[in-house]
Amino acid sequence: LYVLGDGYTKSRYLREGIGQALERSAPGSGCYNLKGAEHGNFVDAALWAPLWVMRNLPLIPAAGAGDPVALHAAMGRGAVAFMHAAIDAGPVAPGALKGYVPL
């Protein structure tokens, strides 16, 4: 499972690298864009740091346009759905990937 924020999704270089990684990944692997997320949303900093700081850092957008709490919950749901699918060798539960866009 590869999940990218909006900024990383726009990078042709990163998308090509993910494509190469997917070629060597297990069947059922996928790459998704979590809409509204940026690099810093994949850690807890966007939950406790002021958003005006997180969205205006000079080198990386550390928080995307989405609500940090909703994005954190979506990441958790997605991770759990993929783990259950891997354990059960079945599909991901419908609705578990709300906010995710396949790439």
N, C-alpha and C. Protein backbone atom coordinates (compact mmCIF):
# COMPACT_ATOMS: atom_id res chain seq x y z
N LEU A 1 0.85 -1.18 0.00
CA LEU A 1 0.00 0.00 0.00
C LEU A 1 0.89 1.23 0.00
N TYR A 2 0.69 2.08 -0.97
CA TYR A 2 1.39 3.35 -1.05
C TYR A 2 0.35 4.45 -0.99
N VAL A 3 0.50 5.38 -0.07
CA VAL A 3 -0.44 6.50 0.07
C VAL A 3 0.36 7.79 -0.04
N LEU A 4 -0.06 8.65 -0.95
CA LEU A 4 0.62 9.91 -1.20
C LEU A 4 -0.28 11.09 -0.88
N GLY A 5 0.33 12.16 -0.41
CA GLY A 5 -0.38 13.42 -0.25
C GLY A 5 -0.49 14.12 -1.59
N ASP A 6 -1.21 15.23 -1.63
CA ASP A 6 -1.46 15.95 -2.87
C ASP A 6 -0.17 16.39 -3.57
N GLY A 7 0.77 16.94 -2.82
CA GLY A 7 2.01 17.44 -3.42
C GLY A 7 2.84 16.32 -4.04
N TYR A 8 2.93 15.19 -3.35
CA TYR A 8 3.70 14.07 -3.88
C TYR A 8 3.03 13.47 -5.10
N THR A 9 1.71 13.52 -5.15
CA THR A 9 0.98 12.99 -6.30
C THR A 9 1.32 13.78 -7.57
N LYS A 10 1.61 15.06 -7.42
CA LYS A 10 1.91 15.91 -8.57
C LYS A 10 3.32 15.70 -9.11
N SER A 11 4.18 15.03 -8.37
CA SER A 11 5.56 14.82 -8.79
C SER A 11 5.68 13.63 -9.74
N ARG A 12 6.05 13.91 -10.98
CA ARG A 12 6.21 12.83 -11.96
C ARG A 12 7.31 11.87 -11.50
N TYR A 13 8.38 12.41 -10.95
CA TYR A 13 9.49 11.60 -10.49
C TYR A 13 9.04 10.60 -9.41
N LEU A 14 8.29 11.08 -8.43
CA LEU A 14 7.80 10.19 -7.36
C LEU A 14 6.80 9.17 -7.89
N ARG A 15 5.92 9.60 -8.78
CA ARG A 15 4.94 8.66 -9.34
C ARG A 15 5.63 7.56 -10.13
N GLU A 16 6.68 7.90 -10.87
CA GLU A 16 7.42 6.87 -11.62
C GLU A 16 8.10 5.90 -10.66
N GLY A 17 8.65 6.42 -9.57
CA GLY A 17 9.28 5.55 -8.56
C GLY A 17 8.28 4.61 -7.91
N ILE A 18 7.10 5.13 -7.61
CA ILE A 18 6.04 4.28 -7.04
C ILE A 18 5.62 3.22 -8.05
N GLY A 19 5.53 3.61 -9.31
CA GLY A 19 5.18 2.63 -10.36
C GLY A 19 6.18 1.49 -10.41
N GLN A 20 7.46 1.82 -10.31
CA GLN A 20 8.51 0.78 -10.31
C GLN A 20 8.39 -0.09 -9.06
N ALA A 21 8.10 0.52 -7.93
CA ALA A 21 7.95 -0.25 -6.69
C ALA A 21 6.73 -1.18 -6.79
N LEU A 22 5.65 -0.69 -7.38
CA LEU A 22 4.44 -1.52 -7.52
C LEU A 22 4.70 -2.74 -8.40
N GLU A 23 5.55 -2.59 -9.40
CA GLU A 23 5.88 -3.73 -10.26
C GLU A 23 6.51 -4.87 -9.48
N ARG A 24 7.21 -4.53 -8.39
CA ARG A 24 7.87 -5.55 -7.57
C ARG A 24 7.09 -5.88 -6.30
N SER A 25 5.92 -5.30 -6.15
CA SER A 25 5.12 -5.49 -4.93
C SER A 25 4.20 -6.69 -5.05
N ALA A 26 3.67 -7.10 -3.93
CA ALA A 26 2.76 -8.24 -3.88
C ALA A 26 1.48 -7.95 -4.66
N PRO A 27 0.86 -8.98 -5.20
CA PRO A 27 -0.42 -8.79 -5.88
C PRO A 27 -1.42 -8.11 -4.94
N GLY A 28 -2.21 -7.22 -5.48
CA GLY A 28 -3.19 -6.51 -4.67
C GLY A 28 -2.66 -5.21 -4.10
N SER A 29 -1.36 -4.95 -4.30
CA SER A 29 -0.79 -3.68 -3.83
C SER A 29 -1.36 -2.55 -4.67
N GLY A 30 -1.43 -1.39 -4.09
CA GLY A 30 -1.96 -0.25 -4.83
C GLY A 30 -1.38 1.05 -4.33
N CYS A 31 -1.58 2.09 -5.14
CA CYS A 31 -1.12 3.43 -4.80
C CYS A 31 -2.33 4.35 -4.81
N TYR A 32 -2.47 5.15 -3.78
CA TYR A 32 -3.61 6.04 -3.62
C TYR A 32 -3.16 7.43 -3.22
N ASN A 33 -3.96 8.41 -3.61
CA ASN A 33 -3.79 9.78 -3.15
C ASN A 33 -4.85 10.03 -2.09
N LEU A 34 -4.42 10.43 -0.90
CA LEU A 34 -5.37 10.82 0.14
C LEU A 34 -5.63 12.31 -0.05
N LYS A 35 -6.75 12.62 -0.66
CA LYS A 35 -7.08 14.00 -1.04
C LYS A 35 -7.08 14.92 0.17
N GLY A 36 -6.42 16.08 0.01
CA GLY A 36 -6.36 17.07 1.07
C GLY A 36 -5.18 16.90 2.02
N ALA A 37 -4.42 15.83 1.87
CA ALA A 37 -3.27 15.57 2.75
C ALA A 37 -1.98 16.05 2.12
N GLU A 38 -1.03 16.36 2.96
CA GLU A 38 0.33 16.66 2.55
C GLU A 38 1.27 15.87 3.44
N HIS A 39 2.55 16.05 3.25
CA HIS A 39 3.58 15.27 3.94
C HIS A 39 3.36 15.20 5.46
N GLY A 40 3.13 16.32 6.08
CA GLY A 40 3.00 16.37 7.54
C GLY A 40 1.73 15.75 8.09
N ASN A 41 0.75 15.48 7.23
CA ASN A 41 -0.47 14.83 7.71
C ASN A 41 -0.25 13.35 8.03
N PHE A 42 0.88 12.80 7.60
CA PHE A 42 1.14 11.38 7.83
C PHE A 42 1.84 11.14 9.18
N VAL A 43 1.99 12.18 9.95
CA VAL A 43 2.46 12.09 11.34
C VAL A 43 1.45 12.88 12.18
N ASP A 44 1.64 12.91 13.48
CA ASP A 44 0.64 13.57 14.33
C ASP A 44 0.83 15.08 14.47
N ALA A 45 1.88 15.65 13.90
CA ALA A 45 2.14 17.09 14.09
C ALA A 45 0.97 17.97 13.66
N ALA A 46 0.29 17.60 12.59
CA ALA A 46 -0.84 18.41 12.12
C ALA A 46 -2.01 18.38 13.09
N LEU A 47 -1.99 17.45 14.04
CA LEU A 47 -3.06 17.37 15.04
C LEU A 47 -2.84 18.32 16.21
N TRP A 48 -1.58 18.69 16.48
CA TRP A 48 -1.31 19.51 17.66
C TRP A 48 -0.65 20.85 17.35
N ALA A 49 0.02 20.98 16.22
CA ALA A 49 0.66 22.26 15.88
C ALA A 49 -0.37 23.19 15.23
N PRO A 50 -0.20 24.49 15.38
CA PRO A 50 -1.14 25.42 14.74
C PRO A 50 -1.14 25.24 13.23
N LEU A 51 -2.31 25.17 12.62
CA LEU A 51 -2.39 24.95 11.18
C LEU A 51 -1.75 26.06 10.38
N TRP A 52 -1.79 27.31 10.87
CA TRP A 52 -1.16 28.39 10.11
C TRP A 52 0.35 28.17 10.01
N VAL A 53 0.93 27.48 10.97
CA VAL A 53 2.35 27.13 10.88
C VAL A 53 2.53 25.95 9.94
N MET A 54 1.75 24.90 10.15
CA MET A 54 1.90 23.67 9.37
C MET A 54 1.66 23.87 7.88
N ARG A 55 0.78 24.77 7.53
CA ARG A 55 0.47 24.98 6.11
C ARG A 55 1.39 25.99 5.44
N ASN A 56 2.25 26.65 6.20
CA ASN A 56 3.10 27.69 5.63
C ASN A 56 4.59 27.45 5.85
N LEU A 57 5.00 26.23 6.14
CA LEU A 57 6.42 25.95 6.27
C LEU A 57 7.09 26.14 4.91
N PRO A 58 8.31 26.69 4.88
CA PRO A 58 8.91 27.06 3.60
C PRO A 58 9.34 25.92 2.69
N LEU A 59 9.79 24.80 3.23
CA LEU A 59 10.32 23.73 2.38
C LEU A 59 9.29 22.70 1.97
N ILE A 60 8.39 22.37 2.87
CA ILE A 60 7.36 21.38 2.56
C ILE A 60 6.03 21.87 3.13
N PRO A 61 4.95 21.62 2.42
CA PRO A 61 3.65 21.89 3.04
C PRO A 61 3.37 20.76 4.03
N ALA A 62 3.48 21.07 5.30
CA ALA A 62 3.39 20.04 6.32
C ALA A 62 1.96 19.64 6.66
N ALA A 63 0.99 20.40 6.21
CA ALA A 63 -0.41 20.02 6.39
C ALA A 63 -1.17 20.47 5.15
N GLY A 64 -2.01 19.60 4.65
CA GLY A 64 -2.78 19.91 3.46
C GLY A 64 -4.04 20.68 3.79
N ALA A 65 -4.85 20.87 2.77
CA ALA A 65 -6.07 21.65 2.89
C ALA A 65 -7.15 20.93 3.70
N GLY A 66 -7.03 19.61 3.82
CA GLY A 66 -8.04 18.84 4.54
C GLY A 66 -7.97 19.00 6.05
N ASP A 67 -9.03 18.62 6.71
CA ASP A 67 -9.10 18.65 8.17
C ASP A 67 -8.15 17.59 8.74
N PRO A 68 -7.16 17.98 9.56
CA PRO A 68 -6.19 17.02 10.08
C PRO A 68 -6.82 15.84 10.83
N VAL A 69 -7.85 16.08 11.59
CA VAL A 69 -8.49 14.99 12.34
C VAL A 69 -9.16 14.00 11.38
N ALA A 70 -9.86 14.52 10.38
CA ALA A 70 -10.52 13.65 9.39
C ALA A 70 -9.49 12.86 8.58
N LEU A 71 -8.39 13.51 8.20
CA LEU A 71 -7.34 12.81 7.45
C LEU A 71 -6.69 11.73 8.29
N HIS A 72 -6.43 12.01 9.55
CA HIS A 72 -5.84 11.01 10.45
C HIS A 72 -6.77 9.80 10.58
N ALA A 73 -8.06 10.05 10.71
CA ALA A 73 -9.04 8.96 10.79
C ALA A 73 -9.09 8.17 9.49
N ALA A 74 -9.03 8.87 8.35
CA ALA A 74 -9.05 8.19 7.05
C ALA A 74 -7.82 7.31 6.88
N MET A 75 -6.66 7.78 7.33
CA MET A 75 -5.45 6.95 7.26
C MET A 75 -5.60 5.69 8.11
N GLY A 76 -6.15 5.85 9.29
CA GLY A 76 -6.38 4.69 10.15
C GLY A 76 -7.33 3.69 9.54
N ARG A 77 -8.45 4.19 9.00
CA ARG A 77 -9.42 3.29 8.34
C ARG A 77 -8.79 2.56 7.17
N GLY A 78 -8.03 3.29 6.37
CA GLY A 78 -7.38 2.67 5.21
C GLY A 78 -6.39 1.60 5.61
N ALA A 79 -5.58 1.88 6.62
CA ALA A 79 -4.59 0.90 7.07
C ALA A 79 -5.27 -0.35 7.60
N VAL A 80 -6.30 -0.17 8.41
CA VAL A 80 -7.02 -1.32 8.97
C VAL A 80 -7.68 -2.13 7.85
N ALA A 81 -8.28 -1.45 6.88
CA ALA A 81 -8.96 -2.15 5.77
C ALA A 81 -7.96 -2.98 4.97
N PHE A 82 -6.78 -2.42 4.69
CA PHE A 82 -5.79 -3.17 3.94
C PHE A 82 -5.23 -4.33 4.75
N MET A 83 -5.06 -4.16 6.06
CA MET A 83 -4.57 -5.27 6.89
C MET A 83 -5.59 -6.40 6.93
N HIS A 84 -6.87 -6.05 7.11
CA HIS A 84 -7.90 -7.09 7.12
C HIS A 84 -7.96 -7.81 5.78
N ALA A 85 -7.86 -7.06 4.68
CA ALA A 85 -7.90 -7.68 3.35
C ALA A 85 -6.70 -8.61 3.16
N ALA A 86 -5.54 -8.20 3.65
CA ALA A 86 -4.35 -9.05 3.51
C ALA A 86 -4.47 -10.32 4.34
N ILE A 87 -4.98 -10.19 5.55
CA ILE A 87 -5.14 -11.36 6.43
C ILE A 87 -6.18 -12.32 5.88
N ASP A 88 -7.28 -11.76 5.39
CA ASP A 88 -8.39 -12.59 4.89
C ASP A 88 -8.21 -12.97 3.42
N ALA A 89 -7.18 -12.42 2.76
CA ALA A 89 -6.95 -12.65 1.32
C ALA A 89 -8.19 -12.30 0.51
N GLY A 90 -8.83 -11.20 0.89
CA GLY A 90 -10.03 -10.76 0.18
C GLY A 90 -9.94 -9.30 -0.20
N PRO A 91 -11.03 -8.76 -0.71
CA PRO A 91 -11.03 -7.36 -1.11
C PRO A 91 -11.12 -6.42 0.09
N VAL A 92 -10.78 -5.18 -0.14
CA VAL A 92 -10.91 -4.15 0.88
C VAL A 92 -12.40 -3.85 1.05
N ALA A 93 -12.83 -3.67 2.29
CA ALA A 93 -14.25 -3.42 2.59
C ALA A 93 -14.73 -2.16 1.86
N PRO A 94 -15.94 -2.23 1.26
CA PRO A 94 -16.49 -1.06 0.59
C PRO A 94 -16.61 0.11 1.55
N GLY A 95 -16.27 1.29 1.08
CA GLY A 95 -16.38 2.50 1.89
C GLY A 95 -15.20 2.76 2.81
N ALA A 96 -14.30 1.78 2.96
CA ALA A 96 -13.16 1.96 3.86
C ALA A 96 -12.16 2.98 3.32
N LEU A 97 -12.17 3.21 2.02
CA LEU A 97 -11.20 4.13 1.43
C LEU A 97 -11.83 5.45 1.02
N LYS A 98 -12.78 5.93 1.79
CA LYS A 98 -13.39 7.23 1.52
C LYS A 98 -12.31 8.30 1.61
N GLY A 99 -12.20 9.13 0.58
CA GLY A 99 -11.18 10.17 0.53
C GLY A 99 -9.93 9.77 -0.22
N TYR A 100 -9.80 8.49 -0.55
CA TYR A 100 -8.65 7.99 -1.29
C TYR A 100 -8.98 7.94 -2.78
N VAL A 101 -8.01 8.31 -3.61
CA VAL A 101 -8.19 8.25 -5.06
C VAL A 101 -7.10 7.33 -5.62
N PRO A 102 -7.47 6.24 -6.31
CA PRO A 102 -6.44 5.35 -6.88
C PRO A 102 -5.61 6.09 -7.91
N LEU A 103 -4.33 5.80 -7.94
CA LEU A 103 -3.44 6.39 -8.95
C LEU A 103 -3.08 5.36 -9.98
